[in-house]
Amino acid sequence: MGAKPESSLQLWLPALAQVAPAHPLRKWLLCADRLADGPAGYLAGLGDYFPGIDAALPAAALTRQFLAGDAQGSIWLSADPAWVQPDINGVRLLACGRLGLTMDEALALAEPLREVFDEAGMQLEISTPDRWHLRLPPDSQLPGFAAPEQALGEDLSQHLPQGTQGRRWRILLNEIQVLLHQHPLNAARRTRGEPPVNSLWLWGGGSLPGPLRSDLRGVISDDLLLAALAGHAHLAAQPRTAETVAAATAGWLIDLQDLPAGEIESSWWPILQSAMHRQTVELHFASGERWRHRPWHRWRLWRGAGR
């Protein structure tokens, strides 16, 4: 593991290319020490904090356990509400989760799907409006499913399960899309200018893993999977608020990688700047670049001269 969370506060930030040259983070990077690059991407980044976790992680079982506490003894598959749209090159995944559904809307959309899943030997569980789960028998064999991170913006045909084992799932997904396309709630969403929920994205299959380890003391994040990993590793997990970020100390991870760089500057920068004045902070960008900033580094003014 490249980072050493036990000795410093950890900041997980969006890709460096998203940070404009005039962003205050750039000034701090000039004064900080460059470290070896870490893994790039969301799933690989999670694996850096929780060794053994990779793109094949059983996200469905972990998040279901975190939300409902009943994942043990079954195979689980995430079936998150999604928006897909045809274009001249195929059908693209434009969004997965975070479609602004209420629980009532989620339950209404799920109702006609339950019979389809029941006939396939699966049970659909609406854990939250954005997170749906399928409970499968313990002996179920699953093909490989792509995580949303890997498929967003791309042609679905490149990321659906392939081969004989995947054929069953492709047929099932097609039936689900037909039912959702016909759902009156989607017509109402289009009228309001909201994206339809016209598909489900299946991913993160597997059973609940054994104990996880991490060098972190806790995480501050609004990301469900990160919070679920922390819970499974018996770490503290707190929501991302001004108060929790301001109070974070060595060994804690502050997750900001899902935010636009401009929002970090406008809403979070004074708090982060105060933290870097007080303690050593490791900055990890989602694109893999890493720096370590110690409080006295801010006096390295010569590093910015002429730039």
C-alpha atoms as a PDB file:
ATOM      1  CA  MET A   1       0.000   0.000   0.000  1.00  0.00           C
ATOM      2  CA  GLY A   2       1.566   3.292  -1.104  1.00  0.00           C
ATOM      3  CA  ALA A   3      -0.065   5.577   1.454  1.00  0.00           C
ATOM      4  CA  LYS A   4       0.549   5.528   5.204  1.00  0.00           C
ATOM      5  CA  PRO A   5      -2.769   6.645   6.651  1.00  0.00           C
ATOM      6  CA  GLU A   6      -1.689   6.030  10.237  1.00  0.00           C
ATOM      7  CA  SER A   7       0.796   8.937  10.145  1.00  0.00           C
ATOM      8  CA  SER A   8      -1.134  11.648   8.354  1.00  0.00           C
ATOM      9  CA  LEU A   9      -4.535  12.933   7.364  1.00  0.00           C
ATOM     10  CA  GLN A  10      -5.594  11.584   3.965  1.00  0.00           C
ATOM     11  CA  LEU A  11      -7.360  13.626   1.285  1.00  0.00           C
ATOM     12  CA  TRP A  12      -8.868  11.753  -1.675  1.00  0.00           C
ATOM     13  CA  LEU A  13      -9.380  14.305  -4.430  1.00  0.00           C
ATOM     14  CA  PRO A  14     -10.751  14.352  -8.005  1.00  0.00           C
ATOM     15  CA  ALA A  15      -8.467  13.796 -10.986  1.00  0.00           C
ATOM     16  CA  LEU A  16      -5.661  16.352 -11.150  1.00  0.00           C
ATOM     17  CA  ALA A  17      -6.608  17.326 -14.712  1.00  0.00           C
ATOM     18  CA  GLN A  18      -9.868  18.723 -13.305  1.00  0.00           C
ATOM     19  CA  VAL A  19      -7.991  21.151 -11.053  1.00  0.00           C
ATOM     20  CA  ALA A  20      -7.532  24.481 -12.860  1.00  0.00           C
ATOM     21  CA  PRO A  21      -4.105  26.188 -12.829  1.00  0.00           C
ATOM     22  CA  ALA A  22      -5.462  28.982 -10.620  1.00  0.00           C
ATOM     23  CA  HIS A  23      -7.019  26.590  -8.084  1.00  0.00           C
ATOM     24  CA  PRO A  24      -5.492  27.090  -4.597  1.00  0.00           C
ATOM     25  CA  LEU A  25      -4.604  23.406  -4.482  1.00  0.00           C
ATOM     26  CA  ARG A  26      -2.006  24.028  -7.178  1.00  0.00           C
ATOM     27  CA  LYS A  27      -0.164  26.514  -4.948  1.00  0.00           C
ATOM     28  CA  TRP A  28       0.030  23.962  -2.148  1.00  0.00           C
ATOM     29  CA  LEU A  29       1.311  21.290  -4.494  1.00  0.00           C
ATOM     30  CA  LEU A  30       4.248  23.529  -5.417  1.00  0.00           C
ATOM     31  CA  CYS A  31       5.330  23.462  -1.771  1.00  0.00           C
ATOM     32  CA  ALA A  32       4.585  19.775  -1.081  1.00  0.00           C
ATOM     33  CA  ASP A  33       6.746  16.684  -1.607  1.00  0.00           C
ATOM     34  CA  ARG A  34       5.813  14.532  -4.588  1.00  0.00           C
ATOM     35  CA  LEU A  35       5.267  10.863  -3.753  1.00  0.00           C
ATOM     36  CA  ALA A  36       5.121   7.820  -5.983  1.00  0.00           C
ATOM     37  CA  ASP A  37       1.879   7.596  -7.921  1.00  0.00           C
ATOM     38  CA  GLY A  38      -0.855   5.366  -6.577  1.00  0.00           C
ATOM     39  CA  PRO A  39      -3.628   3.560  -8.442  1.00  0.00           C
ATOM     40  CA  ALA A  40      -5.956   5.627 -10.622  1.00  0.00           C
ATOM     41  CA  GLY A  41      -9.732   5.358 -10.598  1.00  0.00           C
ATOM     42  CA  TYR A  42     -12.439   4.883  -8.006  1.00  0.00           C
ATOM     43  CA  LEU A  43     -12.335   1.119  -7.484  1.00  0.00           C
ATOM     44  CA  ALA A  44      -8.541   0.952  -7.576  1.00  0.00           C
ATOM     45  CA  GLY A  45      -8.438   3.820  -5.114  1.00  0.00           C
ATOM     46  CA  LEU A  46     -10.664   1.909  -2.707  1.00  0.00           C
ATOM     47  CA  GLY A  47      -8.251  -1.006  -2.947  1.00  0.00           C
ATOM     48  CA  ASP A  48      -5.410   1.260  -1.884  1.00  0.00           C
ATOM     49  CA  TYR A  49      -7.133   1.852   1.457  1.00  0.00           C
ATOM     50  CA  PHE A  50      -8.521  -1.665   1.846  1.00  0.00           C
ATOM     51  CA  PRO A  51      -5.929  -4.205   0.614  1.00  0.00           C
ATOM     52  CA  GLY A  52      -7.416  -7.048  -1.380  1.00  0.00           C
ATOM     53  CA  ILE A  53     -10.318  -4.979  -2.719  1.00  0.00           C
ATOM     54  CA  ASP A  54     -10.355  -4.565  -6.508  1.00  0.00           C
ATOM     55  CA  ALA A  55     -12.774  -4.183  -9.422  1.00  0.00           C
ATOM     56  CA  ALA A  56     -14.251  -7.608  -8.621  1.00  0.00           C
ATOM     57  CA  LEU A  57     -15.277  -6.609  -5.088  1.00  0.00           C
ATOM     58  CA  PRO A  58     -18.718  -7.848  -3.920  1.00  0.00           C
ATOM     59  CA  ALA A  59     -20.117  -4.328  -3.685  1.00  0.00           C
ATOM     60  CA  ALA A  60     -23.711  -5.533  -3.530  1.00  0.00           C
ATOM     61  CA  ALA A  61     -23.216  -7.728  -0.454  1.00  0.00           C
ATOM     62  CA  LEU A  62     -21.147  -5.056   1.297  1.00  0.00           C
ATOM     63  CA  THR A  63     -23.646  -2.256   0.719  1.00  0.00           C
ATOM     64  CA  ARG A  64     -26.659  -4.456   1.533  1.00  0.00           C
ATOM     65  CA  GLN A  65     -25.025  -5.511   4.805  1.00  0.00           C
ATOM     66  CA  PHE A  66     -24.284  -1.890   5.660  1.00  0.00           C
ATOM     67  CA  LEU A  67     -27.844  -0.776   4.909  1.00  0.00           C
ATOM     68  CA  ALA A  68     -29.904  -3.738   6.102  1.00  0.00           C
ATOM     69  CA  GLY A  69     -27.608  -6.125   7.981  1.00  0.00           C
ATOM     70  CA  ASP A  70     -28.987  -9.228   6.239  1.00  0.00           C
ATOM     71  CA  ALA A  71     -26.412 -10.035   3.536  1.00  0.00           C
ATOM     72  CA  GLN A  72     -24.927 -13.097   5.187  1.00  0.00           C
ATOM     73  CA  GLY A  73     -25.754 -16.452   3.555  1.00  0.00           C
ATOM     74  CA  SER A  74     -26.827 -15.222   0.102  1.00  0.00           C
ATOM     75  CA  ILE A  75     -25.313 -14.117  -3.169  1.00  0.00           C
ATOM     76  CA  TRP A  76     -26.064 -10.468  -3.916  1.00  0.00           C
ATOM     77  CA  LEU A  77     -26.047  -8.366  -7.062  1.00  0.00           C
ATOM     78  CA  SER A  78     -26.508  -4.600  -7.288  1.00  0.00           C
ATOM     79  CA  ALA A  79     -29.392  -3.661  -9.600  1.00  0.00           C
ATOM     80  CA  ASP A  80     -29.155   0.117  -9.443  1.00  0.00           C
ATOM     81  CA  PRO A  81     -31.659   2.305 -11.348  1.00  0.00           C
ATOM     82  CA  ALA A  82     -30.038   3.645 -14.497  1.00  0.00           C
ATOM     83  CA  TRP A  83     -30.580   5.908 -17.482  1.00  0.00           C
ATOM     84  CA  VAL A  84     -29.514   4.629 -20.899  1.00  0.00           C
ATOM     85  CA  GLN A  85     -29.917   6.366 -24.221  1.00  0.00           C
ATOM     86  CA  PRO A  86     -29.554   5.172 -27.819  1.00  0.00           C
ATOM     87  CA  ASP A  87     -27.311   7.003 -30.266  1.00  0.00           C
ATOM     88  CA  ILE A  88     -25.827   6.256 -33.683  1.00  0.00           C
ATOM     89  CA  ASN A  89     -23.124   4.088 -32.112  1.00  0.00           C
ATOM     90  CA  GLY A  90     -25.323   1.966 -29.838  1.00  0.00           C
ATOM     91  CA  VAL A  91     -26.880   2.458 -26.394  1.00  0.00           C
ATOM     92  CA  ARG A  92     -24.954   4.409 -23.763  1.00  0.00           C
ATOM     93  CA  LEU A  93     -25.107   4.368 -19.969  1.00  0.00           C
ATOM     94  CA  LEU A  94     -25.578   8.008 -18.969  1.00  0.00           C
ATOM     95  CA  ALA A  95     -26.305   7.665 -15.244  1.00  0.00           C
ATOM     96  CA  CYS A  96     -26.444   5.013 -12.539  1.00  0.00           C
ATOM     97  CA  GLY A  97     -28.076   5.884  -9.240  1.00  0.00           C
ATOM     98  CA  ARG A  98     -28.400   9.520  -8.185  1.00  0.00           C
ATOM     99  CA  LEU A  99     -31.428  10.003 -10.419  1.00  0.00           C
ATOM    100  CA  GLY A 100     -33.384  11.950  -7.821  1.00  0.00           C
ATOM    101  CA  LEU A 101     -35.887   9.209  -7.002  1.00  0.00           C
ATOM    102  CA  THR A 102     -38.009   9.244  -3.882  1.00  0.00           C
ATOM    103  CA  MET A 103     -38.657   5.954  -2.109  1.00  0.00           C
ATOM    104  CA  ASP A 104     -42.253   5.982  -3.337  1.00  0.00           C
ATOM    105  CA  GLU A 105     -41.057   6.400  -6.933  1.00  0.00           C
ATOM    106  CA  ALA A 106     -38.482   3.644  -6.536  1.00  0.00           C
ATOM    107  CA  LEU A 107     -41.091   1.241  -5.173  1.00  0.00           C
ATOM    108  CA  ALA A 108     -43.488   2.112  -7.997  1.00  0.00           C
ATOM    109  CA  LEU A 109     -40.829   1.486 -10.653  1.00  0.00           C
ATOM    110  CA  ALA A 110     -39.807  -1.769  -9.005  1.00  0.00           C
ATOM    111  CA  GLU A 111     -43.319  -3.202  -8.711  1.00  0.00           C
ATOM    112  CA  PRO A 112     -43.679  -4.582 -12.286  1.00  0.00           C
ATOM    113  CA  LEU A 113     -40.136  -5.945 -12.137  1.00  0.00           C
ATOM    114  CA  ARG A 114     -40.630  -8.135  -9.091  1.00  0.00           C
ATOM    115  CA  GLU A 115     -42.499 -10.884 -10.931  1.00  0.00           C
ATOM    116  CA  VAL A 116     -39.754 -11.082 -13.564  1.00  0.00           C
ATOM    117  CA  PHE A 117     -37.088 -11.490 -10.915  1.00  0.00           C
ATOM    118  CA  ASP A 118     -39.201 -13.924  -8.896  1.00  0.00           C
ATOM    119  CA  GLU A 119     -39.565 -16.168 -11.964  1.00  0.00           C
ATOM    120  CA  ALA A 120     -35.779 -16.049 -12.371  1.00  0.00           C
ATOM    121  CA  GLY A 121     -35.293 -17.183  -8.752  1.00  0.00           C
ATOM    122  CA  MET A 122     -34.198 -13.795  -7.450  1.00  0.00           C
ATOM    123  CA  GLN A 123     -35.634 -11.371  -4.917  1.00  0.00           C
ATOM    124  CA  LEU A 124     -35.557  -7.632  -5.602  1.00  0.00           C
ATOM    125  CA  GLU A 125     -34.841  -5.473  -2.547  1.00  0.00           C
ATOM    126  CA  ILE A 126     -35.129  -1.660  -2.681  1.00  0.00           C
ATOM    127  CA  SER A 127     -32.531  -0.785  -0.069  1.00  0.00           C
ATOM    128  CA  THR A 128     -32.597   2.965  -0.853  1.00  0.00           C
ATOM    129  CA  PRO A 129     -34.096   4.898  -3.778  1.00  0.00           C
ATOM    130  CA  ASP A 130     -30.700   4.811  -5.518  1.00  0.00           C
ATOM    131  CA  ARG A 131     -29.465   1.389  -4.375  1.00  0.00           C
ATOM    132  CA  TRP A 132     -31.413  -1.721  -5.369  1.00  0.00           C
ATOM    133  CA  HIS A 133     -30.231  -5.245  -4.640  1.00  0.00           C
ATOM    134  CA  LEU A 134     -30.968  -8.718  -5.920  1.00  0.00           C
ATOM    135  CA  ARG A 135     -30.834 -11.625  -3.469  1.00  0.00           C
ATOM    136  CA  LEU A 136     -29.805 -14.862  -5.201  1.00  0.00           C
ATOM    137  CA  PRO A 137     -29.541 -18.445  -3.905  1.00  0.00           C
ATOM    138  CA  PRO A 138     -26.210 -19.254  -2.194  1.00  0.00           C
ATOM    139  CA  ASP A 139     -25.111 -21.583  -5.018  1.00  0.00           C
ATOM    140  CA  SER A 140     -25.660 -19.035  -7.804  1.00  0.00           C
ATOM    141  CA  GLN A 141     -22.920 -18.714 -10.429  1.00  0.00           C
ATOM    142  CA  LEU A 142     -22.464 -15.207 -11.791  1.00  0.00           C
ATOM    143  CA  PRO A 143     -20.693 -13.971 -14.921  1.00  0.00           C
ATOM    144  CA  GLY A 144     -18.497 -10.902 -14.792  1.00  0.00           C
ATOM    145  CA  PHE A 145     -20.359  -7.588 -14.516  1.00  0.00           C
ATOM    146  CA  ALA A 146     -18.798  -4.199 -15.175  1.00  0.00           C
ATOM    147  CA  ALA A 147     -18.935  -1.562 -12.442  1.00  0.00           C
ATOM    148  CA  PRO A 148     -20.659   1.736 -13.311  1.00  0.00           C
ATOM    149  CA  GLU A 149     -17.285   3.485 -13.292  1.00  0.00           C
ATOM    150  CA  GLN A 150     -16.153   1.243 -16.131  1.00  0.00           C
ATOM    151  CA  ALA A 151     -19.275   1.680 -18.272  1.00  0.00           C
ATOM    152  CA  LEU A 152     -20.512   5.260 -17.836  1.00  0.00           C
ATOM    153  CA  GLY A 153     -20.674   7.078 -21.151  1.00  0.00           C
ATOM    154  CA  GLU A 154     -19.851   3.965 -23.147  1.00  0.00           C
ATOM    155  CA  ASP A 155     -21.778   1.580 -25.387  1.00  0.00           C
ATOM    156  CA  LEU A 156     -23.565  -1.027 -23.275  1.00  0.00           C
ATOM    157  CA  SER A 157     -22.660  -3.836 -25.653  1.00  0.00           C
ATOM    158  CA  GLN A 158     -19.040  -3.502 -24.551  1.00  0.00           C
ATOM    159  CA  HIS A 159     -19.903  -4.093 -20.904  1.00  0.00           C
ATOM    160  CA  LEU A 160     -22.778  -6.574 -20.736  1.00  0.00           C
ATOM    161  CA  PRO A 161     -22.041 -10.161 -19.603  1.00  0.00           C
ATOM    162  CA  GLN A 162     -20.839 -12.203 -22.535  1.00  0.00           C
ATOM    163  CA  GLY A 163     -20.977 -15.835 -23.619  1.00  0.00           C
ATOM    164  CA  THR A 164     -23.453 -18.566 -22.792  1.00  0.00           C
ATOM    165  CA  GLN A 165     -23.515 -17.688 -19.097  1.00  0.00           C
ATOM    166  CA  GLY A 166     -24.166 -14.033 -19.877  1.00  0.00           C
ATOM    167  CA  ARG A 167     -27.003 -14.737 -22.328  1.00  0.00           C
ATOM    168  CA  ARG A 168     -29.543 -15.276 -19.541  1.00  0.00           C
ATOM    169  CA  TRP A 169     -28.682 -11.899 -18.050  1.00  0.00           C
ATOM    170  CA  ARG A 170     -28.831 -10.064 -21.362  1.00  0.00           C
ATOM    171  CA  ILE A 171     -32.332 -11.452 -21.987  1.00  0.00           C
ATOM    172  CA  LEU A 172     -33.389 -10.529 -18.443  1.00  0.00           C
ATOM    173  CA  LEU A 173     -32.030  -7.002 -18.799  1.00  0.00           C
ATOM    174  CA  ASN A 174     -33.865  -6.541 -22.086  1.00  0.00           C
ATOM    175  CA  GLU A 175     -37.154  -7.569 -20.452  1.00  0.00           C
ATOM    176  CA  ILE A 176     -36.509  -5.142 -17.584  1.00  0.00           C
ATOM    177  CA  GLN A 177     -35.835  -2.294 -20.020  1.00  0.00           C
ATOM    178  CA  VAL A 178     -39.098  -2.933 -21.869  1.00  0.00           C
ATOM    179  CA  LEU A 179     -41.101  -2.813 -18.619  1.00  0.00           C
ATOM    180  CA  LEU A 180     -39.395   0.367 -17.437  1.00  0.00           C
ATOM    181  CA  HIS A 181     -39.791   2.060 -20.814  1.00  0.00           C
ATOM    182  CA  GLN A 182     -43.538   1.492 -20.570  1.00  0.00           C
ATOM    183  CA  HIS A 183     -43.844   2.672 -16.963  1.00  0.00           C
ATOM    184  CA  PRO A 184     -46.085   5.767 -16.587  1.00  0.00           C
ATOM    185  CA  LEU A 185     -43.748   7.247 -13.993  1.00  0.00           C
ATOM    186  CA  ASN A 186     -41.094   7.659 -16.665  1.00  0.00           C
ATOM    187  CA  ALA A 187     -43.505   9.605 -18.846  1.00  0.00           C
ATOM    188  CA  ALA A 188     -44.102  11.926 -15.912  1.00  0.00           C
ATOM    189  CA  ARG A 189     -40.355  12.309 -15.345  1.00  0.00           C
ATOM    190  CA  ARG A 190     -39.814  13.264 -18.985  1.00  0.00           C
ATOM    191  CA  THR A 191     -42.578  15.857 -18.737  1.00  0.00           C
ATOM    192  CA  ARG A 192     -40.776  17.395 -15.746  1.00  0.00           C
ATOM    193  CA  GLY A 193     -37.472  17.427 -17.653  1.00  0.00           C
ATOM    194  CA  GLU A 194     -36.008  14.629 -15.534  1.00  0.00           C
ATOM    195  CA  PRO A 195     -34.120  11.652 -16.977  1.00  0.00           C
ATOM    196  CA  PRO A 196     -36.094   8.406 -17.195  1.00  0.00           C
ATOM    197  CA  VAL A 197     -35.198   5.340 -15.197  1.00  0.00           C
ATOM    198  CA  ASN A 198     -35.234   2.998 -18.175  1.00  0.00           C
ATOM    199  CA  SER A 199     -32.762   0.303 -17.137  1.00  0.00           C
ATOM    200  CA  LEU A 200     -30.992  -1.291 -14.204  1.00  0.00           C
ATOM    201  CA  TRP A 201     -27.237  -1.629 -13.954  1.00  0.00           C
ATOM    202  CA  LEU A 202     -26.202  -5.040 -12.646  1.00  0.00           C
ATOM    203  CA  TRP A 203     -22.799  -5.145 -10.955  1.00  0.00           C
ATOM    204  CA  GLY A 204     -20.829  -5.966  -7.822  1.00  0.00           C
ATOM    205  CA  GLY A 205     -21.997  -9.560  -7.467  1.00  0.00           C
ATOM    206  CA  GLY A 206     -20.830 -11.980  -4.806  1.00  0.00           C
ATOM    207  CA  SER A 207     -21.163 -12.961  -1.186  1.00  0.00           C
ATOM    208  CA  LEU A 208     -20.144 -11.056   1.899  1.00  0.00           C
ATOM    209  CA  PRO A 209     -16.339 -11.263   2.222  1.00  0.00           C
ATOM    210  CA  GLY A 210     -14.391 -12.126   5.314  1.00  0.00           C
ATOM    211  CA  PRO A 211     -12.883  -9.494   7.592  1.00  0.00           C
ATOM    212  CA  LEU A 212     -11.162  -6.578   5.888  1.00  0.00           C
ATOM    213  CA  ARG A 213      -8.120  -4.740   7.138  1.00  0.00           C
ATOM    214  CA  SER A 214      -7.082  -1.143   6.731  1.00  0.00           C
ATOM    215  CA  ASP A 215      -4.508   1.222   8.185  1.00  0.00           C
ATOM    216  CA  LEU A 216      -7.145   3.929   8.392  1.00  0.00           C
ATOM    217  CA  ARG A 217      -8.744   4.977  11.658  1.00  0.00           C
ATOM    218  CA  GLY A 218     -11.931   6.176  10.000  1.00  0.00           C
ATOM    219  CA  VAL A 219     -13.491   7.706   6.904  1.00  0.00           C
ATOM    220  CA  ILE A 220     -15.462  10.869   6.206  1.00  0.00           C
ATOM    221  CA  SER A 221     -17.498  10.340   3.075  1.00  0.00           C
ATOM    222  CA  ASP A 222     -20.921  10.470   1.456  1.00  0.00           C
ATOM    223  CA  ASP A 223     -20.042   7.449  -0.680  1.00  0.00           C
ATOM    224  CA  LEU A 224     -22.069   4.385   0.300  1.00  0.00           C
ATOM    225  CA  LEU A 225     -19.548   1.763  -0.790  1.00  0.00           C
ATOM    226  CA  LEU A 226     -16.674   3.460   1.032  1.00  0.00           C
ATOM    227  CA  ALA A 227     -18.802   3.683   4.179  1.00  0.00           C
ATOM    228  CA  ALA A 228     -19.749   0.008   3.783  1.00  0.00           C
ATOM    229  CA  LEU A 229     -16.097  -1.012   3.456  1.00  0.00           C
ATOM    230  CA  ALA A 230     -15.255   1.001   6.552  1.00  0.00           C
ATOM    231  CA  GLY A 231     -18.063  -0.649   8.482  1.00  0.00           C
ATOM    232  CA  HIS A 232     -16.938  -4.128   7.420  1.00  0.00           C
ATOM    233  CA  ALA A 233     -13.403  -3.285   8.544  1.00  0.00           C
ATOM    234  CA  HIS A 234     -14.760  -2.011  11.897  1.00  0.00           C
ATOM    235  CA  LEU A 235     -13.691   1.561  11.196  1.00  0.00           C
ATOM    236  CA  ALA A 236     -15.538   4.690  12.181  1.00  0.00           C
ATOM    237  CA  ALA A 237     -17.496   6.303   9.338  1.00  0.00           C
ATOM    238  CA  GLN A 238     -18.925   9.822   9.387  1.00  0.00           C
ATOM    239  CA  PRO A 239     -20.863  11.859   6.833  1.00  0.00           C
ATOM    240  CA  ARG A 240     -19.052  14.664   5.034  1.00  0.00           C
ATOM    241  CA  THR A 241     -19.884  17.902   6.827  1.00  0.00           C
ATOM    242  CA  ALA A 242     -17.926  21.040   7.668  1.00  0.00           C
ATOM    243  CA  GLU A 243     -17.739  19.854  11.280  1.00  0.00           C
ATOM    244  CA  THR A 244     -16.440  16.349  10.583  1.00  0.00           C
ATOM    245  CA  VAL A 245     -13.877  17.546   8.031  1.00  0.00           C
ATOM    246  CA  ALA A 246     -12.610  20.262  10.389  1.00  0.00           C
ATOM    247  CA  ALA A 247     -12.183  17.725  13.210  1.00  0.00           C
ATOM    248  CA  ALA A 248     -10.364  15.069  11.139  1.00  0.00           C
ATOM    249  CA  THR A 249      -6.916  14.040  12.350  1.00  0.00           C
ATOM    250  CA  ALA A 250      -4.111  11.657  11.373  1.00  0.00           C
ATOM    251  CA  GLY A 251      -5.352   8.297  10.144  1.00  0.00           C
ATOM    252  CA  TRP A 252      -8.657   9.615   8.844  1.00  0.00           C
ATOM    253  CA  LEU A 253      -9.605   9.690   5.172  1.00  0.00           C
ATOM    254  CA  ILE A 254     -11.568  12.678   3.852  1.00  0.00           C
ATOM    255  CA  ASP A 255     -13.254  11.612   0.623  1.00  0.00           C
ATOM    256  CA  LEU A 256     -13.710  14.495  -1.824  1.00  0.00           C
ATOM    257  CA  GLN A 257     -13.001  12.611  -5.056  1.00  0.00           C
ATOM    258  CA  ASP A 258     -16.624  12.772  -6.215  1.00  0.00           C
ATOM    259  CA  LEU A 259     -16.796  16.582  -6.054  1.00  0.00           C
ATOM    260  CA  PRO A 260     -16.017  19.089  -8.821  1.00  0.00           C
ATOM    261  CA  ALA A 261     -12.751  20.911  -8.160  1.00  0.00           C
ATOM    262  CA  GLY A 262     -14.619  24.214  -8.213  1.00  0.00           C
ATOM    263  CA  GLU A 263     -16.869  23.091  -5.358  1.00  0.00           C
ATOM    264  CA  ILE A 264     -13.843  22.075  -3.312  1.00  0.00           C
ATOM    265  CA  GLU A 265     -12.472  25.597  -3.778  1.00  0.00           C
ATOM    266  CA  SER A 266     -15.727  27.386  -2.992  1.00  0.00           C
ATOM    267  CA  SER A 267     -17.086  25.220  -0.180  1.00  0.00           C
ATOM    268  CA  TRP A 268     -14.241  23.274   1.409  1.00  0.00           C
ATOM    269  CA  TRP A 269     -11.000  25.116   0.853  1.00  0.00           C
ATOM    270  CA  PRO A 270     -10.859  27.217   4.084  1.00  0.00           C
ATOM    271  CA  ILE A 271     -11.349  24.058   6.157  1.00  0.00           C
ATOM    272  CA  LEU A 272      -8.727  22.100   4.196  1.00  0.00           C
ATOM    273  CA  GLN A 273      -6.263  24.975   4.364  1.00  0.00           C
ATOM    274  CA  SER A 274      -6.635  25.090   8.134  1.00  0.00           C
ATOM    275  CA  ALA A 275      -5.987  21.335   8.329  1.00  0.00           C
ATOM    276  CA  MET A 276      -2.790  21.655   6.283  1.00  0.00           C
ATOM    277  CA  HIS A 277      -1.569  24.411   8.585  1.00  0.00           C
ATOM    278  CA  ARG A 278      -1.986  22.093  11.584  1.00  0.00           C
ATOM    279  CA  GLN A 279      -0.870  18.636  10.457  1.00  0.00           C
ATOM    280  CA  THR A 280       0.722  16.506   7.779  1.00  0.00           C
ATOM    281  CA  VAL A 281      -1.689  15.785   4.933  1.00  0.00           C
ATOM    282  CA  GLU A 282      -1.351  13.344   2.055  1.00  0.00           C
ATOM    283  CA  LEU A 283      -3.178  14.405  -1.078  1.00  0.00           C
ATOM    284  CA  HIS A 284      -4.265  11.569  -3.360  1.00  0.00           C
ATOM    285  CA  PHE A 285      -5.788  12.492  -6.710  1.00  0.00           C
ATOM    286  CA  ALA A 286      -8.189  10.107  -8.414  1.00  0.00           C
ATOM    287  CA  SER A 287      -5.836  10.097 -11.405  1.00  0.00           C
ATOM    288  CA  GLY A 288      -3.094   8.568  -9.229  1.00  0.00           C
ATOM    289  CA  GLU A 289      -0.798  11.514  -8.399  1.00  0.00           C
ATOM    290  CA  ARG A 290       0.207  11.918  -4.761  1.00  0.00           C
ATOM    291  CA  TRP A 291       1.808  14.586  -2.618  1.00  0.00           C
ATOM    292  CA  ARG A 292       2.654  14.955   1.076  1.00  0.00           C
ATOM    293  CA  HIS A 293       2.282  18.396   2.620  1.00  0.00           C
ATOM    294  CA  ARG A 294       3.702  19.170   6.065  1.00  0.00           C
ATOM    295  CA  PRO A 295       2.734  22.342   7.960  1.00  0.00           C
ATOM    296  CA  TRP A 296       6.147  23.967   7.492  1.00  0.00           C
ATOM    297  CA  HIS A 297       6.030  23.371   3.733  1.00  0.00           C
ATOM    298  CA  ARG A 298       3.939  26.514   3.290  1.00  0.00           C
ATOM    299  CA  TRP A 299       7.132  28.508   3.890  1.00  0.00           C
ATOM    300  CA  ARG A 300       8.748  27.002   0.780  1.00  0.00           C
ATOM    301  CA  LEU A 301       7.895  30.188  -1.093  1.00  0.00           C
ATOM    302  CA  TRP A 302      10.925  29.845  -3.343  1.00  0.00           C
ATOM    303  CA  ARG A 303       9.312  26.843  -5.024  1.00  0.00           C
ATOM    304  CA  GLY A 304       6.630  29.042  -6.526  1.00  0.00           C
ATOM    305  CA  ALA A 305       8.950  31.840  -7.623  1.00  0.00           C
ATOM    306  CA  GLY A 306       8.694  32.583 -11.321  1.00  0.00           C
ATOM    307  CA  ARG A 307       5.769  30.209 -11.894  1.00  0.00           C
END
